[in-house]
Amino acid sequence: MLSALEIAKLSEEFETKTPQEIIHWAVKEYFPAVAMSSSFQTQSMPLLHMASQLEHRVTVFFIDTGYHFWETLMFREQLAAEWNLDVVDLHRDPRWDVFVLQNLRRLPLEDPNLCCYLHKVQPMQKALTGTKAWVSGIRRDQTSVRSQAQILELQDDGLLKINPLLNWTKSDVQKYAQEHNLPSHPLLEKGYRSVGCAPCTIAIGANEDERSGRWAGRGKTECGLHTEMFEKKKLTEVKQEFNLEIK
């Protein structure tokens, strides 16, 4: 295993490497204990396409929250088949089923943090147990939180998070998509430039920030996968961030 110092040095070196070079390093270093995550929206296409070109089939985690647009689910099925991707769907812990069903409509609207924690954070934490490296498609130009990220980030539990597209811009994504004739999410042409769960995503204007349609008006920009919330493994550690009464 690499030391924290070695990871920091490599992360700095990777700032001048291409995403493909970083991904190939990750697979060579950690396969088969490496996995990718993807939301299967338009911005995810370059990373998924790069994964499809690898010699080894790397597992791609897709978090099926139960709130996705139908178009997202169909797009995920299409790409998994056409690009021969090893996609694994993640779901919430069934112990939350009764609570979620009782709060199905109001949960994403009244307490989106809790909703994301149950449907995204916890399932991903569980899926990554035993995995050594997690490849994510976040970029620094997406949110203020992501602007502070590093290409290699060692988690407290030893998991190495790898962000090969981190220093790419929206223009880089568009350029790669055009060069490789990549498909786009079917809702993009309807104004959904960043697609999440249906209750928390709206169409936006052409000149608005691409993530402004996510959790609009709720003071939220992140689901928790790429924040300190992901480091917290117990409900009691994040309970103060939730609005609904939970035991």
Protein backbone atom coordinates (compact mmCIF):
# COMPACT_ATOMS: atom_id res chain seq x y z
CA MET A 1 0.00 0.00 0.00
CA LEU A 2 1.17 3.51 -0.78
CA SER A 3 1.88 5.84 2.11
CA ALA A 4 0.03 9.12 2.55
CA LEU A 5 3.19 10.98 1.48
CA GLU A 6 3.55 8.88 -1.67
CA ILE A 7 -0.12 9.44 -2.54
CA ALA A 8 0.23 13.20 -2.10
CA LYS A 9 3.29 13.23 -4.37
CA LEU A 10 1.56 11.12 -7.01
CA SER A 11 -1.53 13.30 -6.85
CA GLU A 12 0.57 16.36 -7.64
CA GLU A 13 2.26 14.55 -10.53
CA PHE A 14 -1.11 13.46 -11.92
CA GLU A 15 -2.19 17.09 -12.35
CA THR A 16 -0.31 17.00 -15.68
CA LYS A 17 -1.44 13.51 -16.71
CA THR A 18 -4.42 12.65 -18.89
CA PRO A 19 -7.47 10.99 -17.34
CA GLN A 20 -6.70 7.87 -19.37
CA GLU A 21 -3.21 7.67 -17.88
CA ILE A 22 -4.60 8.06 -14.36
CA ILE A 23 -7.28 5.41 -14.92
CA HIS A 24 -4.78 2.95 -16.38
CA TRP A 25 -2.54 3.51 -13.35
CA ALA A 26 -5.48 2.88 -11.01
CA VAL A 27 -6.45 -0.36 -12.74
CA LYS A 28 -2.86 -1.60 -12.94
CA GLU A 29 -2.30 -0.79 -9.27
CA TYR A 30 -5.57 -1.99 -7.76
CA PHE A 31 -7.54 -4.32 -10.08
CA PRO A 32 -9.74 -6.16 -9.22
CA ALA A 33 -10.22 -4.18 -5.99
CA VAL A 34 -11.12 -0.99 -7.86
CA ALA A 35 -14.55 0.33 -8.80
CA MET A 36 -16.01 3.34 -10.59
CA SER A 37 -19.19 5.24 -9.82
CA SER A 38 -21.41 6.95 -12.36
CA SER A 39 -24.75 8.74 -12.49
CA PHE A 40 -25.03 8.05 -16.24
CA GLN A 41 -25.74 11.66 -17.09
CA THR A 42 -24.13 13.52 -19.99
CA GLN A 43 -21.12 14.68 -17.94
CA SER A 44 -20.44 11.04 -17.05
CA MET A 45 -19.96 9.89 -20.62
CA PRO A 46 -16.17 10.46 -20.96
CA LEU A 47 -15.33 8.45 -17.83
CA LEU A 48 -17.67 5.62 -18.84
CA HIS A 49 -16.26 5.60 -22.35
CA MET A 50 -12.70 5.44 -21.00
CA ALA A 51 -13.76 2.53 -18.77
CA SER A 52 -15.17 0.70 -21.78
CA GLN A 53 -11.76 0.91 -23.47
CA LEU A 54 -9.89 -0.78 -20.62
CA GLU A 55 -8.47 -4.28 -20.93
CA HIS A 56 -10.16 -5.27 -17.68
CA ARG A 57 -13.87 -4.79 -16.98
CA VAL A 58 -14.01 -2.52 -13.96
CA THR A 59 -17.19 -2.58 -11.89
CA VAL A 60 -19.31 0.55 -12.32
CA PHE A 61 -21.59 1.39 -9.41
CA PHE A 62 -24.91 3.05 -10.27
CA ILE A 63 -26.96 4.24 -7.31
CA ASP A 64 -30.60 3.41 -8.00
CA THR A 65 -32.35 5.69 -5.53
CA GLY A 66 -35.88 4.86 -6.64
CA TYR A 67 -36.37 8.50 -7.58
CA HIS A 68 -34.63 8.52 -10.96
CA PHE A 69 -36.17 9.74 -14.18
CA TRP A 70 -37.29 6.87 -16.40
CA GLU A 71 -35.00 8.26 -19.10
CA THR A 72 -31.98 7.82 -16.82
CA LEU A 73 -32.77 4.17 -16.17
CA MET A 74 -33.25 3.44 -19.86
CA PHE A 75 -30.05 5.31 -20.77
CA ARG A 76 -28.15 3.28 -18.18
CA GLU A 77 -29.47 0.04 -19.69
CA GLN A 78 -28.57 1.15 -23.20
CA LEU A 79 -24.99 2.10 -22.39
CA ALA A 80 -24.33 -0.94 -20.22
CA ALA A 81 -25.30 -3.17 -23.16
CA GLU A 82 -23.65 -1.21 -25.98
CA TRP A 83 -20.38 -0.53 -24.14
CA ASN A 84 -20.22 -3.89 -22.36
CA LEU A 85 -20.03 -2.25 -18.94
CA ASP A 86 -20.08 -4.24 -15.71
CA VAL A 87 -22.76 -2.14 -13.97
CA VAL A 88 -23.89 -2.96 -10.44
CA ASP A 89 -27.00 -1.22 -9.11
CA LEU A 90 -26.92 -0.04 -5.51
CA HIS A 91 -30.05 0.33 -3.38
CA ARG A 92 -30.87 1.65 0.07
CA ASP A 93 -30.71 -0.67 3.06
CA PRO A 94 -34.10 -2.46 3.20
CA ARG A 95 -34.31 -1.64 6.89
CA TRP A 96 -35.25 1.89 5.79
CA ASP A 97 -38.10 0.73 3.53
CA VAL A 98 -40.95 1.35 5.97
CA PHE A 99 -39.66 4.81 6.92
CA VAL A 100 -39.10 5.83 3.29
CA LEU A 101 -42.52 4.60 2.15
CA GLN A 102 -44.15 6.58 4.95
CA ASN A 103 -42.28 9.71 3.83
CA LEU A 104 -41.99 8.96 0.12
CA ARG A 105 -43.17 12.31 -1.24
CA ARG A 106 -41.98 14.72 1.44
CA LEU A 107 -38.56 13.17 2.13
CA PRO A 108 -36.68 14.55 -0.93
CA LEU A 109 -38.42 17.92 -0.63
CA GLU A 110 -38.36 18.49 3.13
CA ASP A 111 -35.12 16.73 4.00
CA PRO A 112 -32.96 16.18 0.89
CA ASN A 113 -29.86 15.62 3.05
CA LEU A 114 -31.44 12.64 4.79
CA CYS A 115 -32.81 11.38 1.48
CA CYS A 116 -29.34 11.48 -0.10
CA TYR A 117 -27.77 9.89 2.95
CA LEU A 118 -30.16 6.92 2.89
CA HIS A 119 -30.28 6.45 -0.87
CA LYS A 120 -26.76 7.40 -1.96
CA VAL A 121 -24.21 7.70 0.84
CA GLN A 122 -25.01 4.56 2.84
CA PRO A 123 -25.33 2.28 -0.24
CA MET A 124 -22.01 3.52 -1.64
CA GLN A 125 -20.26 3.13 1.71
CA LYS A 126 -21.45 -0.47 1.88
CA ALA A 127 -20.56 -1.23 -1.76
CA LEU A 128 -17.01 0.06 -1.31
CA THR A 129 -16.33 -2.11 1.71
CA GLY A 130 -13.32 -4.25 0.84
CA THR A 131 -12.52 -2.15 -2.22
CA LYS A 132 -9.11 -0.45 -2.29
CA ALA A 133 -9.77 2.28 -4.88
CA TRP A 134 -12.82 4.25 -5.99
CA VAL A 135 -12.74 6.14 -9.31
CA SER A 136 -15.07 9.14 -9.43
CA GLY A 137 -15.91 11.55 -12.25
CA ILE A 138 -16.09 14.81 -10.29
CA ARG A 139 -14.54 18.02 -11.65
CA ARG A 140 -13.24 21.10 -9.85
CA ASP A 141 -15.38 23.45 -11.95
CA GLN A 142 -18.66 21.85 -10.79
CA THR A 143 -19.05 23.11 -7.20
CA SER A 144 -17.15 25.02 -4.53
CA VAL A 145 -16.68 21.81 -2.54
CA ARG A 146 -15.19 19.97 -5.52
CA SER A 147 -12.88 22.88 -6.32
CA GLN A 148 -10.85 21.91 -3.23
CA ALA A 149 -10.50 18.23 -4.16
CA GLN A 150 -7.29 16.44 -5.11
CA ILE A 151 -6.82 13.83 -7.82
CA LEU A 152 -5.84 11.23 -5.21
CA GLU A 153 -7.55 11.40 -1.83
CA LEU A 154 -6.81 8.86 0.90
CA GLN A 155 -9.83 8.23 3.10
CA ASP A 156 -9.59 7.56 6.83
CA ASP A 157 -10.48 3.89 6.33
CA GLY A 158 -7.69 3.39 3.78
CA LEU A 159 -9.85 3.66 0.65
CA LEU A 160 -8.16 5.66 -2.11
CA LYS A 161 -10.50 7.95 -4.01
CA ILE A 162 -9.29 8.74 -7.51
CA ASN A 163 -10.64 11.71 -9.51
CA PRO A 164 -9.09 11.47 -13.01
CA LEU A 165 -11.31 14.18 -14.56
CA LEU A 166 -10.78 16.62 -11.71
CA ASN A 167 -8.93 19.34 -13.65
CA TRP A 168 -11.12 19.01 -16.74
CA THR A 169 -13.62 21.74 -17.59
CA LYS A 170 -17.07 21.57 -19.13
CA SER A 171 -15.42 22.42 -22.45
CA ASP A 172 -13.07 19.44 -22.10
CA VAL A 173 -16.04 17.15 -21.55
CA GLN A 174 -17.82 18.54 -24.60
CA LYS A 175 -14.68 18.25 -26.74
CA TYR A 176 -14.12 14.62 -25.78
CA ALA A 177 -17.80 13.80 -26.38
CA GLN A 178 -17.65 15.34 -29.86
CA GLU A 179 -14.37 13.65 -30.78
CA HIS A 180 -15.70 10.24 -29.80
CA ASN A 181 -19.31 10.80 -30.87
CA LEU A 182 -20.63 9.98 -27.42
CA PRO A 183 -24.36 9.84 -26.71
CA SER A 184 -25.96 12.37 -24.36
CA HIS A 185 -28.63 11.88 -21.73
CA PRO A 186 -32.07 12.08 -23.41
CA LEU A 187 -33.17 14.89 -21.05
CA LEU A 188 -30.27 17.18 -22.02
CA GLU A 189 -32.11 18.62 -25.01
CA LYS A 190 -35.03 19.45 -22.70
CA GLY A 191 -32.89 21.71 -20.51
CA TYR A 192 -31.75 19.20 -17.88
CA ARG A 193 -28.02 19.89 -18.02
CA SER A 194 -27.23 18.04 -14.79
CA VAL A 195 -29.57 15.15 -14.03
CA GLY A 196 -30.16 13.74 -10.58
CA CYS A 197 -33.31 12.41 -8.95
CA ALA A 198 -36.60 13.61 -10.43
CA PRO A 199 -37.94 15.43 -7.31
CA CYS A 200 -34.69 17.40 -6.98
CA THR A 201 -33.88 18.26 -10.61
CA ILE A 202 -35.35 20.96 -12.84
CA ALA A 203 -34.66 22.20 -16.34
CA ILE A 204 -32.58 25.41 -16.54
CA GLY A 205 -31.72 28.13 -19.03
CA ALA A 206 -28.88 27.84 -21.52
CA ASN A 207 -26.76 30.45 -19.71
CA GLU A 208 -27.22 29.12 -16.17
CA ASP A 209 -24.64 27.10 -14.25
CA GLU A 210 -24.98 23.44 -15.23
CA ARG A 211 -25.72 22.35 -11.64
CA SER A 212 -28.14 25.15 -10.78
CA GLY A 213 -31.04 22.82 -11.54
CA ARG A 214 -30.07 20.48 -8.71
CA TRP A 215 -31.87 21.05 -5.37
CA ALA A 216 -32.84 24.53 -6.61
CA GLY A 217 -33.78 26.90 -3.78
CA ARG A 218 -32.86 24.44 -1.03
CA GLY A 219 -29.34 25.64 -0.25
CA LYS A 220 -27.84 22.31 -1.28
CA THR A 221 -25.28 21.56 -3.99
CA GLU A 222 -23.91 18.13 -3.04
CA CYS A 223 -25.50 14.75 -2.35
CA GLY A 224 -22.89 13.82 0.26
CA LEU A 225 -20.77 11.34 -1.68
CA HIS A 226 -18.03 13.96 -2.08
CA THR A 227 -18.32 15.76 1.26
CA GLU A 228 -17.46 15.05 4.89
CA MET A 229 -20.77 13.19 5.18
CA PHE A 230 -19.23 10.27 3.32
CA GLU A 231 -16.60 9.87 6.03
CA LYS A 232 -19.28 9.36 8.67
CA LYS A 233 -20.38 5.76 8.95
CA LYS A 234 -23.05 6.06 11.64
CA LEU A 235 -26.42 7.78 11.54
CA THR A 236 -25.75 9.41 14.91
CA GLU A 237 -22.76 11.23 13.43
CA VAL A 238 -24.88 13.07 10.85
CA LYS A 239 -28.29 13.14 12.53
CA GLN A 240 -27.99 16.85 13.36
CA GLU A 241 -28.00 17.63 9.63
CA PHE A 242 -31.47 16.16 9.12
CA ASN A 243 -34.86 17.85 9.56
CA LEU A 244 -37.18 14.89 9.94
CA GLU A 245 -37.48 13.11 13.28
CA ILE A 246 -35.70 9.77 13.03
CA LYS A 247 -34.85 7.27 15.73
